[in-house]
N, C-alpha and C. Protein backbone atom coordinates (compact mmCIF):
# COMPACT_ATOMS: atom_id res chain seq x y z
N UNK A 1 14.59 44.57 148.54
CA UNK A 1 13.51 44.81 147.61
C UNK A 1 14.06 45.60 146.43
N UNK A 2 13.72 45.16 145.24
CA UNK A 2 14.20 45.80 144.02
C UNK A 2 13.44 47.10 143.76
N UNK A 3 14.03 47.92 142.92
CA UNK A 3 13.40 49.18 142.59
C UNK A 3 12.06 48.95 141.89
N UNK A 4 11.05 49.69 142.30
CA UNK A 4 9.69 49.67 141.76
C UNK A 4 8.88 48.45 142.18
N UNK A 5 9.39 47.59 143.05
CA UNK A 5 8.60 46.45 143.52
C UNK A 5 7.32 46.90 144.22
N UNK A 6 7.42 47.98 145.02
CA UNK A 6 6.24 48.45 145.73
C UNK A 6 5.19 49.02 144.76
N UNK A 7 5.61 49.69 143.69
CA UNK A 7 4.68 50.20 142.70
C UNK A 7 4.01 49.07 141.93
N UNK A 8 4.76 48.04 141.63
CA UNK A 8 4.21 46.87 140.93
C UNK A 8 3.16 46.19 141.80
N UNK A 9 3.48 46.02 143.08
CA UNK A 9 2.54 45.38 144.02
C UNK A 9 1.30 46.24 144.22
N UNK A 10 1.47 47.56 144.30
CA UNK A 10 0.34 48.46 144.48
C UNK A 10 -0.60 48.42 143.28
N UNK A 11 -0.06 48.44 142.07
CA UNK A 11 -0.89 48.36 140.86
C UNK A 11 -1.68 47.06 140.86
N UNK A 12 -1.03 45.96 141.19
CA UNK A 12 -1.71 44.66 141.22
C UNK A 12 -2.83 44.66 142.26
N UNK A 13 -2.54 45.18 143.45
CA UNK A 13 -3.51 45.19 144.54
C UNK A 13 -4.73 46.05 144.20
N UNK A 14 -4.52 47.26 143.68
CA UNK A 14 -5.64 48.15 143.37
C UNK A 14 -6.48 47.63 142.21
N UNK A 15 -5.84 47.14 141.18
CA UNK A 15 -6.60 46.63 140.03
C UNK A 15 -7.34 45.36 140.40
N UNK A 16 -6.75 44.53 141.25
CA UNK A 16 -7.45 43.33 141.72
C UNK A 16 -8.67 43.71 142.55
N UNK A 17 -8.54 44.75 143.37
CA UNK A 17 -9.64 45.18 144.24
C UNK A 17 -10.75 45.87 143.46
N UNK A 18 -10.41 46.74 142.53
CA UNK A 18 -11.40 47.57 141.84
C UNK A 18 -11.78 47.06 140.45
N UNK A 19 -11.00 46.15 139.90
CA UNK A 19 -11.25 45.69 138.53
C UNK A 19 -12.26 44.57 138.46
N UNK A 20 -12.60 44.21 137.25
CA UNK A 20 -13.52 43.09 137.03
C UNK A 20 -12.78 41.96 136.34
N UNK A 21 -13.25 40.74 136.60
CA UNK A 21 -12.63 39.56 136.01
C UNK A 21 -13.01 39.48 134.54
N UNK A 22 -11.99 39.35 133.69
CA UNK A 22 -12.19 39.22 132.25
C UNK A 22 -11.27 38.12 131.73
N UNK A 23 -11.46 37.78 130.48
CA UNK A 23 -10.59 36.83 129.81
C UNK A 23 -9.85 37.55 128.70
N UNK A 24 -8.54 37.41 128.69
CA UNK A 24 -7.71 37.98 127.63
C UNK A 24 -7.35 36.85 126.68
N UNK A 25 -7.71 37.01 125.40
CA UNK A 25 -7.48 35.97 124.39
C UNK A 25 -6.51 36.43 123.33
N UNK A 26 -5.70 35.51 122.88
CA UNK A 26 -4.84 35.76 121.73
C UNK A 26 -4.91 34.54 120.83
N UNK A 27 -4.77 34.78 119.54
CA UNK A 27 -4.76 33.70 118.58
C UNK A 27 -3.32 33.48 118.14
N UNK A 28 -2.89 32.26 118.22
CA UNK A 28 -1.52 31.90 117.88
C UNK A 28 -1.47 31.48 116.42
N UNK A 29 -0.57 32.11 115.69
CA UNK A 29 -0.40 31.77 114.28
C UNK A 29 0.18 30.37 114.15
N UNK A 30 -0.27 29.65 113.13
CA UNK A 30 0.31 28.32 112.93
C UNK A 30 1.77 28.43 112.52
N UNK A 31 2.54 27.50 112.97
CA UNK A 31 3.96 27.49 112.61
C UNK A 31 4.23 26.30 111.69
N UNK A 32 5.08 26.53 110.73
CA UNK A 32 5.42 25.46 109.79
C UNK A 32 6.29 24.42 110.49
N UNK A 33 6.27 23.23 109.98
CA UNK A 33 7.12 22.17 110.50
C UNK A 33 8.58 22.55 110.24
N UNK A 34 9.39 22.74 111.29
CA UNK A 34 10.77 23.18 111.08
C UNK A 34 11.63 22.15 110.33
N UNK A 35 11.21 20.88 110.36
CA UNK A 35 11.99 19.87 109.65
C UNK A 35 11.63 19.83 108.17
N UNK A 36 10.47 20.43 107.80
CA UNK A 36 10.04 20.46 106.40
C UNK A 36 9.51 21.85 106.05
N UNK A 37 10.39 22.86 106.04
CA UNK A 37 9.91 24.22 105.77
C UNK A 37 9.39 24.41 104.34
N UNK A 38 9.70 23.52 103.46
CA UNK A 38 9.23 23.63 102.08
C UNK A 38 7.78 23.17 101.94
N UNK A 39 7.18 22.61 103.00
CA UNK A 39 5.80 22.15 102.96
C UNK A 39 4.96 22.98 103.94
N UNK A 40 4.56 24.18 103.52
CA UNK A 40 3.79 25.02 104.44
C UNK A 40 2.39 24.49 104.72
N UNK A 41 1.90 23.56 103.93
CA UNK A 41 0.56 23.03 104.14
C UNK A 41 0.50 22.10 105.36
N UNK A 42 1.65 21.68 105.86
CA UNK A 42 1.65 20.80 107.03
C UNK A 42 1.64 21.59 108.34
N UNK A 43 1.43 22.88 108.27
CA UNK A 43 1.41 23.69 109.48
C UNK A 43 0.21 23.31 110.34
N UNK A 44 0.39 23.42 111.62
CA UNK A 44 -0.70 23.16 112.54
C UNK A 44 -1.75 24.26 112.39
N UNK A 45 -3.01 23.96 112.67
CA UNK A 45 -4.04 25.00 112.57
C UNK A 45 -3.82 26.07 113.64
N UNK A 46 -4.36 27.25 113.38
CA UNK A 46 -4.24 28.34 114.36
C UNK A 46 -4.91 27.92 115.66
N UNK A 47 -4.33 28.32 116.76
CA UNK A 47 -4.91 27.96 118.05
C UNK A 47 -5.14 29.22 118.87
N UNK A 48 -5.82 29.05 119.97
CA UNK A 48 -6.17 30.18 120.84
C UNK A 48 -5.56 29.96 122.21
N UNK A 49 -5.05 31.03 122.79
CA UNK A 49 -4.51 31.00 124.15
C UNK A 49 -5.27 32.05 124.93
N UNK A 50 -5.66 31.75 126.14
CA UNK A 50 -6.39 32.72 126.93
C UNK A 50 -5.98 32.64 128.39
N UNK A 51 -6.19 33.74 129.09
CA UNK A 51 -5.86 33.80 130.51
C UNK A 51 -6.89 34.68 131.21
N UNK A 52 -7.18 34.36 132.44
CA UNK A 52 -8.09 35.16 133.24
C UNK A 52 -7.31 36.25 133.97
N UNK A 53 -7.75 37.49 133.85
CA UNK A 53 -7.10 38.62 134.52
C UNK A 53 -8.17 39.55 135.06
N UNK A 54 -7.75 40.53 135.81
CA UNK A 54 -8.66 41.58 136.28
C UNK A 54 -8.24 42.89 135.62
N UNK A 55 -9.24 43.63 135.14
CA UNK A 55 -8.99 44.91 134.47
C UNK A 55 -9.99 45.94 134.96
N UNK A 56 -9.55 47.20 134.95
CA UNK A 56 -10.43 48.32 135.27
C UNK A 56 -10.88 48.94 133.94
N UNK A 57 -12.20 49.05 133.75
CA UNK A 57 -12.79 49.64 132.54
C UNK A 57 -13.18 51.08 132.83
N UNK A 58 -12.75 52.00 131.97
CA UNK A 58 -13.14 53.40 132.08
C UNK A 58 -13.57 53.92 130.71
N UNK A 59 -14.54 54.84 130.72
CA UNK A 59 -14.86 55.56 129.50
C UNK A 59 -13.76 56.59 129.29
N UNK A 60 -13.57 57.02 128.08
CA UNK A 60 -12.52 58.00 127.80
C UNK A 60 -12.79 59.33 128.49
N UNK A 61 -14.04 59.67 128.73
CA UNK A 61 -14.34 60.95 129.38
C UNK A 61 -14.48 60.82 130.89
N UNK A 62 -14.30 59.63 131.47
CA UNK A 62 -14.55 59.45 132.89
C UNK A 62 -13.39 59.88 133.78
N UNK A 63 -12.26 60.26 133.19
CA UNK A 63 -11.14 60.68 134.03
C UNK A 63 -10.82 62.15 133.80
N UNK A 64 -11.81 62.92 133.39
CA UNK A 64 -11.66 64.36 133.34
C UNK A 64 -11.18 64.94 132.04
N UNK A 65 -10.98 64.13 131.02
CA UNK A 65 -10.56 64.68 129.75
C UNK A 65 -11.19 63.87 128.62
N UNK A 66 -11.39 64.50 127.51
CA UNK A 66 -12.02 63.83 126.37
C UNK A 66 -11.13 63.95 125.15
N UNK A 67 -10.17 63.06 125.00
CA UNK A 67 -9.34 63.15 123.80
C UNK A 67 -10.15 62.72 122.58
N UNK A 68 -10.15 63.55 121.58
CA UNK A 68 -10.87 63.22 120.36
C UNK A 68 -9.96 62.56 119.34
N UNK A 69 -8.67 62.81 119.48
CA UNK A 69 -7.73 62.29 118.49
C UNK A 69 -6.37 62.09 119.16
N UNK A 70 -5.71 61.01 118.80
CA UNK A 70 -4.38 60.74 119.32
C UNK A 70 -3.32 61.29 118.38
N UNK A 71 -2.07 61.21 118.82
CA UNK A 71 -0.96 61.76 118.04
C UNK A 71 -0.87 61.15 116.64
N UNK A 72 -1.20 59.88 116.52
CA UNK A 72 -1.09 59.23 115.21
C UNK A 72 -2.31 59.47 114.33
N UNK A 73 -3.27 60.29 114.80
CA UNK A 73 -4.42 60.63 113.98
C UNK A 73 -5.61 59.71 114.14
N UNK A 74 -5.52 58.68 114.98
CA UNK A 74 -6.65 57.78 115.16
C UNK A 74 -7.71 58.45 116.02
N UNK A 75 -8.94 58.19 115.70
CA UNK A 75 -10.07 58.81 116.37
C UNK A 75 -10.63 57.88 117.45
N UNK A 76 -11.00 58.46 118.57
CA UNK A 76 -11.70 57.72 119.61
C UNK A 76 -13.17 57.74 119.26
N UNK A 77 -13.78 56.58 119.18
CA UNK A 77 -15.19 56.48 118.83
C UNK A 77 -16.04 56.36 120.08
N UNK A 78 -17.29 56.74 119.97
CA UNK A 78 -18.22 56.59 121.09
C UNK A 78 -18.27 55.13 121.49
N UNK A 79 -18.16 54.86 122.76
CA UNK A 79 -18.22 53.49 123.25
C UNK A 79 -16.86 52.86 123.45
N UNK A 80 -15.80 53.43 122.89
CA UNK A 80 -14.46 52.90 123.13
C UNK A 80 -14.13 53.00 124.61
N UNK A 81 -13.33 52.08 125.10
CA UNK A 81 -12.99 52.05 126.52
C UNK A 81 -11.49 52.13 126.71
N UNK A 82 -11.12 52.57 127.90
CA UNK A 82 -9.73 52.58 128.35
C UNK A 82 -9.64 51.56 129.48
N UNK A 83 -8.71 50.62 129.37
CA UNK A 83 -8.55 49.57 130.37
C UNK A 83 -7.20 49.69 131.04
N UNK A 84 -7.15 49.30 132.30
CA UNK A 84 -5.89 49.23 133.02
C UNK A 84 -5.73 47.81 133.54
N UNK A 85 -4.55 47.23 133.33
CA UNK A 85 -4.26 45.88 133.79
C UNK A 85 -2.86 45.87 134.40
N UNK A 86 -2.74 45.21 135.54
CA UNK A 86 -1.44 45.11 136.20
C UNK A 86 -0.56 44.13 135.43
N UNK A 87 0.72 44.44 135.34
CA UNK A 87 1.64 43.57 134.62
C UNK A 87 1.98 42.31 135.42
N UNK A 88 1.96 42.43 136.74
CA UNK A 88 2.32 41.30 137.60
C UNK A 88 1.31 40.17 137.44
N UNK A 89 1.77 38.99 137.12
CA UNK A 89 0.92 37.83 137.01
C UNK A 89 0.39 37.53 135.62
N UNK A 90 0.67 38.37 134.64
CA UNK A 90 0.21 38.09 133.28
C UNK A 90 1.00 36.92 132.69
N UNK A 91 0.30 36.02 132.04
CA UNK A 91 1.00 34.91 131.39
C UNK A 91 1.52 35.31 130.01
N UNK A 92 0.90 36.33 129.40
CA UNK A 92 1.41 36.91 128.17
C UNK A 92 0.99 38.37 128.14
N UNK A 93 1.74 39.19 127.41
CA UNK A 93 1.46 40.62 127.35
C UNK A 93 0.34 40.90 126.37
N UNK A 94 -0.56 41.83 126.71
CA UNK A 94 -1.61 42.19 125.76
C UNK A 94 -1.00 42.89 124.55
N UNK A 95 -1.45 42.54 123.39
CA UNK A 95 -0.94 43.11 122.13
C UNK A 95 -2.12 43.57 121.28
N UNK A 96 -1.81 44.23 120.18
CA UNK A 96 -2.84 44.66 119.25
C UNK A 96 -3.60 43.45 118.73
N UNK A 97 -4.88 43.62 118.56
CA UNK A 97 -5.79 42.60 118.04
C UNK A 97 -6.05 41.44 119.00
N UNK A 98 -5.53 41.50 120.23
CA UNK A 98 -5.97 40.53 121.23
C UNK A 98 -7.40 40.90 121.63
N UNK A 99 -8.12 39.97 122.19
CA UNK A 99 -9.52 40.18 122.54
C UNK A 99 -9.70 40.11 124.05
N UNK A 100 -10.50 41.04 124.58
CA UNK A 100 -10.88 41.04 125.99
C UNK A 100 -12.35 40.67 126.04
N UNK A 101 -12.69 39.64 126.81
CA UNK A 101 -14.08 39.19 126.93
C UNK A 101 -14.54 39.48 128.36
N UNK A 102 -15.57 40.31 128.48
CA UNK A 102 -16.13 40.64 129.79
C UNK A 102 -17.05 39.53 130.27
N UNK A 103 -17.45 39.63 131.51
CA UNK A 103 -18.33 38.63 132.10
C UNK A 103 -19.67 38.52 131.41
N UNK A 104 -20.17 39.61 130.80
CA UNK A 104 -21.45 39.57 130.09
C UNK A 104 -21.33 39.01 128.67
N UNK A 105 -20.11 38.64 128.29
CA UNK A 105 -19.88 38.06 126.97
C UNK A 105 -19.48 39.06 125.90
N UNK A 106 -19.50 40.35 126.21
CA UNK A 106 -19.11 41.34 125.20
C UNK A 106 -17.62 41.23 124.91
N UNK A 107 -17.28 41.39 123.64
CA UNK A 107 -15.89 41.23 123.19
C UNK A 107 -15.33 42.58 122.76
N UNK A 108 -14.12 42.86 123.20
CA UNK A 108 -13.43 44.11 122.92
C UNK A 108 -12.10 43.78 122.30
N UNK A 109 -11.71 44.53 121.27
CA UNK A 109 -10.44 44.32 120.57
C UNK A 109 -9.46 45.41 120.96
N UNK A 110 -8.24 45.01 121.27
CA UNK A 110 -7.21 45.95 121.68
C UNK A 110 -6.73 46.72 120.45
N UNK A 111 -6.80 48.07 120.52
CA UNK A 111 -6.32 48.93 119.43
C UNK A 111 -4.92 49.46 119.72
N UNK A 112 -4.68 49.85 120.96
CA UNK A 112 -3.35 50.34 121.35
C UNK A 112 -3.01 49.85 122.75
N UNK A 113 -1.72 49.82 123.02
CA UNK A 113 -1.23 49.45 124.35
C UNK A 113 -0.12 50.41 124.74
N UNK A 114 -0.26 51.00 125.91
CA UNK A 114 0.81 51.81 126.49
C UNK A 114 1.23 51.13 127.77
N UNK A 115 2.51 51.14 128.03
CA UNK A 115 2.97 50.52 129.27
C UNK A 115 3.60 51.56 130.17
N UNK A 116 3.37 51.40 131.46
CA UNK A 116 4.05 52.19 132.46
C UNK A 116 5.23 51.33 132.90
N UNK A 117 6.41 51.70 132.44
CA UNK A 117 7.58 50.84 132.69
C UNK A 117 8.84 51.66 132.98
N UNK A 118 8.89 52.28 134.14
CA UNK A 118 10.11 53.00 134.48
C UNK A 118 11.27 52.03 134.63
N UNK A 119 12.40 52.41 134.11
CA UNK A 119 13.60 51.58 134.23
C UNK A 119 13.43 50.21 133.58
N UNK A 120 12.47 50.09 132.65
CA UNK A 120 12.29 48.84 131.92
C UNK A 120 11.47 47.79 132.64
N UNK A 121 10.93 48.08 133.82
CA UNK A 121 10.10 47.11 134.56
C UNK A 121 8.64 47.47 134.37
N UNK A 122 7.88 46.57 133.78
CA UNK A 122 6.46 46.82 133.55
C UNK A 122 5.70 46.85 134.87
N UNK A 123 4.97 47.94 135.10
CA UNK A 123 4.12 48.06 136.28
C UNK A 123 2.68 47.75 135.90
N UNK A 124 2.20 48.41 134.84
CA UNK A 124 0.84 48.18 134.37
C UNK A 124 0.73 48.60 132.90
N UNK A 125 -0.37 48.21 132.30
CA UNK A 125 -0.64 48.55 130.91
C UNK A 125 -1.96 49.30 130.82
N UNK A 126 -1.99 50.26 129.90
CA UNK A 126 -3.22 50.97 129.55
C UNK A 126 -3.58 50.52 128.14
N UNK A 127 -4.79 50.00 127.99
CA UNK A 127 -5.25 49.51 126.70
C UNK A 127 -6.40 50.36 126.20
N UNK A 128 -6.42 50.63 124.91
CA UNK A 128 -7.57 51.26 124.27
C UNK A 128 -8.25 50.14 123.50
N UNK A 129 -9.53 49.90 123.85
CA UNK A 129 -10.26 48.80 123.23
C UNK A 129 -11.53 49.32 122.56
N UNK A 130 -11.96 48.60 121.55
CA UNK A 130 -13.17 48.95 120.82
C UNK A 130 -13.95 47.67 120.55
N UNK A 131 -15.26 47.82 120.35
CA UNK A 131 -16.09 46.63 120.05
C UNK A 131 -16.19 46.42 118.56
């Protein structure tokens, strides 16, 4: 067994058990035709890629602390959420401006992503999302 395999499996197991099913969406930028780079109008239209995952939703004050401001000066607004998603099984990594769609149809936009990745192996991601 490789280093951190048990932590990766534990994160996946707990988030699968306690999390809710959501859809993670990303929009793919159109790419120009590589055989005709001088004709950017022939690019394919933007497309959407999505995957079903499980995430744990928390309010910023639900884990015992209320950060009002992050190191980069961004403010946490009322209603913003903190999400946790296991890295194991993701078809693509969550990035800024990706969208999380809950079962009730509400849409959340990813503002920041932190990864727990000791030794370079992703265990889980913490996302800050806003509506």
